[in-house]
Amino acid sequence: MKTLQRVKKMIPPLSPEMHKGMAGRIGVIGGSEEYFPIQSYTDFSYTGAPFYSCMSAMLFGADLGHVICEPGAATVVKS
């Protein structure tokens, strides 16, 4: 129970005066040159880990996230 109280103190309360990024920012670096660009439908691109890491942080309370990846993965991550 004490841990939960400590975590609640770390998360800033939401306020109408706050703008994007004031409640927390996250930057995730991921991807590999070896998997991009996708040359055929049989090739696999591993874009899930950076995307899900960033989204998990945003669901936990961060309100601005950046995924830094290979240019070939950007389209997949954005969509």
N, C-alpha and C. Protein backbone atom coordinates (compact mmCIF):
# COMPACT_ATOMS: atom_id res chain seq x y z
N MET A 1 0.82 -1.20 0.00
CA MET A 1 0.00 0.00 0.00
C MET A 1 0.87 1.26 0.00
N LYS A 2 1.98 1.22 0.71
CA LYS A 2 2.87 2.38 0.74
C LYS A 2 3.44 2.66 -0.64
N THR A 3 3.71 1.61 -1.42
CA THR A 3 4.24 1.79 -2.77
C THR A 3 3.25 2.53 -3.65
N LEU A 4 1.98 2.16 -3.57
CA LEU A 4 0.95 2.82 -4.36
C LEU A 4 0.85 4.31 -4.00
N GLN A 5 0.95 4.64 -2.74
CA GLN A 5 0.90 6.04 -2.32
C GLN A 5 2.10 6.82 -2.87
N ARG A 6 3.27 6.19 -2.91
CA ARG A 6 4.46 6.84 -3.46
C ARG A 6 4.30 7.09 -4.96
N VAL A 7 3.74 6.11 -5.65
CA VAL A 7 3.54 6.26 -7.09
C VAL A 7 2.54 7.38 -7.37
N LYS A 8 1.47 7.47 -6.59
CA LYS A 8 0.48 8.53 -6.77
C LYS A 8 1.09 9.91 -6.59
N LYS A 9 2.07 10.03 -5.70
CA LYS A 9 2.74 11.33 -5.48
C LYS A 9 3.60 11.72 -6.68
N MET A 10 4.11 10.73 -7.43
CA MET A 10 4.97 11.01 -8.58
C MET A 10 4.18 11.48 -9.80
N ILE A 11 2.93 11.07 -9.91
CA ILE A 11 2.11 11.41 -11.07
C ILE A 11 1.47 12.77 -10.84
N PRO A 12 1.75 13.74 -11.73
CA PRO A 12 1.18 15.07 -11.53
C PRO A 12 -0.33 15.08 -11.79
N PRO A 13 -1.08 15.83 -11.01
CA PRO A 13 -2.53 15.92 -11.25
C PRO A 13 -2.81 16.70 -12.53
N LEU A 14 -3.84 16.28 -13.25
CA LEU A 14 -4.19 16.98 -14.49
C LEU A 14 -4.82 18.33 -14.16
N SER A 15 -4.57 19.30 -15.02
CA SER A 15 -5.06 20.65 -14.80
C SER A 15 -5.33 21.29 -16.16
N PRO A 16 -6.35 22.15 -16.27
CA PRO A 16 -6.63 22.83 -17.55
C PRO A 16 -5.49 23.77 -17.99
N GLU A 17 -4.66 24.18 -17.05
CA GLU A 17 -3.55 25.08 -17.37
C GLU A 17 -2.37 24.36 -18.02
N MET A 18 -2.36 23.03 -17.95
CA MET A 18 -1.25 22.26 -18.50
C MET A 18 -1.38 22.12 -20.01
N HIS A 19 -0.24 22.10 -20.69
CA HIS A 19 -0.26 21.83 -22.13
C HIS A 19 0.48 20.54 -22.42
N LYS A 20 0.43 20.10 -23.67
CA LYS A 20 0.99 18.80 -24.06
C LYS A 20 2.45 18.68 -23.64
N GLY A 21 2.77 17.62 -22.96
CA GLY A 21 4.14 17.34 -22.54
C GLY A 21 4.43 17.68 -21.09
N MET A 22 3.57 18.44 -20.44
CA MET A 22 3.82 18.84 -19.05
C MET A 22 3.55 17.70 -18.06
N ALA A 23 2.76 16.71 -18.46
CA ALA A 23 2.48 15.59 -17.56
C ALA A 23 3.46 14.44 -17.76
N GLY A 24 4.42 14.62 -18.65
CA GLY A 24 5.44 13.60 -18.86
C GLY A 24 5.69 13.34 -20.33
N ARG A 25 6.95 13.11 -20.65
CA ARG A 25 7.35 12.81 -22.02
C ARG A 25 8.14 11.52 -22.03
N ILE A 26 8.05 10.81 -23.15
CA ILE A 26 8.79 9.56 -23.30
C ILE A 26 9.40 9.52 -24.69
N GLY A 27 10.60 9.01 -24.78
CA GLY A 27 11.28 8.78 -26.06
C GLY A 27 11.73 7.33 -26.10
N VAL A 28 11.36 6.61 -27.15
CA VAL A 28 11.73 5.20 -27.29
C VAL A 28 12.55 5.05 -28.56
N ILE A 29 13.72 4.44 -28.44
CA ILE A 29 14.57 4.17 -29.59
C ILE A 29 14.47 2.68 -29.89
N GLY A 30 14.16 2.35 -31.14
CA GLY A 30 14.01 0.95 -31.49
C GLY A 30 14.11 0.71 -32.98
N GLY A 31 14.15 -0.55 -33.37
CA GLY A 31 14.24 -0.91 -34.77
C GLY A 31 15.65 -1.29 -35.16
N SER A 32 15.77 -1.81 -36.37
CA SER A 32 17.06 -2.25 -36.86
C SER A 32 17.15 -2.04 -38.36
N GLU A 33 18.30 -1.63 -38.82
CA GLU A 33 18.54 -1.43 -40.24
C GLU A 33 18.34 -2.71 -41.03
N GLU A 34 18.62 -3.82 -40.43
CA GLU A 34 18.59 -5.11 -41.13
C GLU A 34 17.19 -5.49 -41.60
N TYR A 35 16.15 -5.00 -40.97
CA TYR A 35 14.80 -5.41 -41.31
C TYR A 35 14.09 -4.45 -42.25
N PHE A 36 14.70 -3.32 -42.59
CA PHE A 36 14.02 -2.30 -43.40
C PHE A 36 14.87 -1.94 -44.59
N PRO A 37 14.35 -1.58 -45.73
CA PRO A 37 12.93 -1.55 -46.05
C PRO A 37 12.37 -2.94 -46.33
N ILE A 38 11.07 -3.06 -46.23
CA ILE A 38 10.41 -4.34 -46.50
C ILE A 38 10.43 -4.55 -48.01
N GLN A 39 11.00 -5.66 -48.45
CA GLN A 39 11.12 -5.91 -49.89
C GLN A 39 10.00 -6.79 -50.43
N SER A 40 9.42 -7.62 -49.59
CA SER A 40 8.31 -8.45 -50.04
C SER A 40 7.38 -8.72 -48.87
N TYR A 41 6.27 -9.31 -49.15
CA TYR A 41 5.30 -9.59 -48.10
C TYR A 41 5.76 -10.73 -47.18
N THR A 42 6.78 -11.47 -47.58
CA THR A 42 7.28 -12.55 -46.73
C THR A 42 8.28 -12.06 -45.69
N ASP A 43 8.82 -10.85 -45.89
CA ASP A 43 9.74 -10.28 -44.91
C ASP A 43 8.97 -9.78 -43.70
N PHE A 44 9.57 -9.85 -42.55
CA PHE A 44 8.91 -9.39 -41.33
C PHE A 44 9.58 -8.10 -40.86
N SER A 45 8.79 -7.15 -40.42
CA SER A 45 9.34 -5.92 -39.85
C SER A 45 8.97 -5.89 -38.38
N TYR A 46 9.94 -5.65 -37.55
CA TYR A 46 9.72 -5.68 -36.11
C TYR A 46 9.56 -4.25 -35.59
N THR A 47 8.35 -3.75 -35.65
CA THR A 47 8.06 -2.39 -35.20
C THR A 47 7.21 -2.38 -33.94
N GLY A 48 6.77 -3.53 -33.49
CA GLY A 48 5.84 -3.59 -32.37
C GLY A 48 6.43 -3.15 -31.04
N ALA A 49 7.64 -3.56 -30.74
CA ALA A 49 8.22 -3.27 -29.42
C ALA A 49 8.34 -1.77 -29.15
N PRO A 50 8.92 -0.96 -30.06
CA PRO A 50 8.99 0.48 -29.79
C PRO A 50 7.60 1.11 -29.67
N PHE A 51 6.69 0.70 -30.55
CA PHE A 51 5.34 1.26 -30.52
C PHE A 51 4.65 0.95 -29.20
N TYR A 52 4.65 -0.33 -28.81
CA TYR A 52 3.95 -0.72 -27.58
C TYR A 52 4.63 -0.17 -26.33
N SER A 53 5.93 -0.01 -26.35
CA SER A 53 6.62 0.59 -25.20
C SER A 53 6.18 2.03 -25.01
N CYS A 54 6.11 2.76 -26.11
CA CYS A 54 5.70 4.16 -26.04
C CYS A 54 4.23 4.28 -25.62
N MET A 55 3.37 3.46 -26.21
CA MET A 55 1.94 3.51 -25.86
C MET A 55 1.71 3.11 -24.40
N SER A 56 2.47 2.15 -23.89
CA SER A 56 2.33 1.75 -22.49
C SER A 56 2.69 2.90 -21.56
N ALA A 57 3.75 3.61 -21.88
CA ALA A 57 4.14 4.76 -21.06
C ALA A 57 3.05 5.84 -21.10
N MET A 58 2.44 6.03 -22.27
CA MET A 58 1.39 7.03 -22.37
C MET A 58 0.14 6.60 -21.62
N LEU A 59 -0.17 5.32 -21.63
CA LEU A 59 -1.31 4.83 -20.86
C LEU A 59 -1.06 4.95 -19.35
N PHE A 60 0.20 4.91 -18.96
CA PHE A 60 0.55 5.02 -17.54
C PHE A 60 0.51 6.48 -17.07
N GLY A 61 0.60 7.45 -18.00
CA GLY A 61 0.50 8.83 -17.58
C GLY A 61 1.26 9.84 -18.41
N ALA A 62 2.23 9.41 -19.18
CA ALA A 62 2.94 10.36 -20.06
C ALA A 62 1.97 10.84 -21.13
N ASP A 63 2.08 12.09 -21.52
CA ASP A 63 1.13 12.57 -22.53
C ASP A 63 1.80 13.01 -23.83
N LEU A 64 3.09 12.75 -23.97
CA LEU A 64 3.78 13.04 -25.22
C LEU A 64 4.82 11.96 -25.44
N GLY A 65 4.74 11.27 -26.56
CA GLY A 65 5.66 10.18 -26.84
C GLY A 65 6.30 10.30 -28.20
N HIS A 66 7.57 9.96 -28.28
CA HIS A 66 8.31 9.96 -29.54
C HIS A 66 8.91 8.58 -29.73
N VAL A 67 8.70 8.00 -30.91
CA VAL A 67 9.34 6.73 -31.27
C VAL A 67 10.42 7.07 -32.28
N ILE A 68 11.66 6.79 -31.94
CA ILE A 68 12.80 7.06 -32.81
C ILE A 68 13.19 5.73 -33.43
N CYS A 69 13.04 5.63 -34.77
CA CYS A 69 13.25 4.36 -35.44
C CYS A 69 13.80 4.59 -36.84
N GLU A 70 14.01 3.51 -37.55
CA GLU A 70 14.46 3.57 -38.94
C GLU A 70 13.38 4.23 -39.79
N PRO A 71 13.77 4.98 -40.83
CA PRO A 71 12.76 5.63 -41.69
C PRO A 71 11.76 4.64 -42.28
N GLY A 72 12.18 3.44 -42.60
CA GLY A 72 11.26 2.45 -43.16
C GLY A 72 10.20 2.00 -42.20
N ALA A 73 10.46 2.10 -40.91
CA ALA A 73 9.49 1.69 -39.89
C ALA A 73 8.54 2.81 -39.51
N ALA A 74 8.88 4.02 -39.86
CA ALA A 74 8.07 5.18 -39.44
C ALA A 74 6.63 5.09 -39.92
N THR A 75 6.43 4.68 -41.15
CA THR A 75 5.07 4.58 -41.69
C THR A 75 4.24 3.57 -40.93
N VAL A 76 4.85 2.45 -40.59
CA VAL A 76 4.13 1.40 -39.85
C VAL A 76 3.80 1.89 -38.45
N VAL A 77 4.75 2.53 -37.78
CA VAL A 77 4.53 3.02 -36.42
C VAL A 77 3.47 4.12 -36.40
N LYS A 78 3.51 5.03 -37.35
CA LYS A 78 2.54 6.12 -37.40
C LYS A 78 1.12 5.64 -37.64
N SER A 79 0.98 4.59 -38.45
CA SER A 79 -0.37 4.12 -38.79
C SER A 79 -0.92 3.27 -37.66
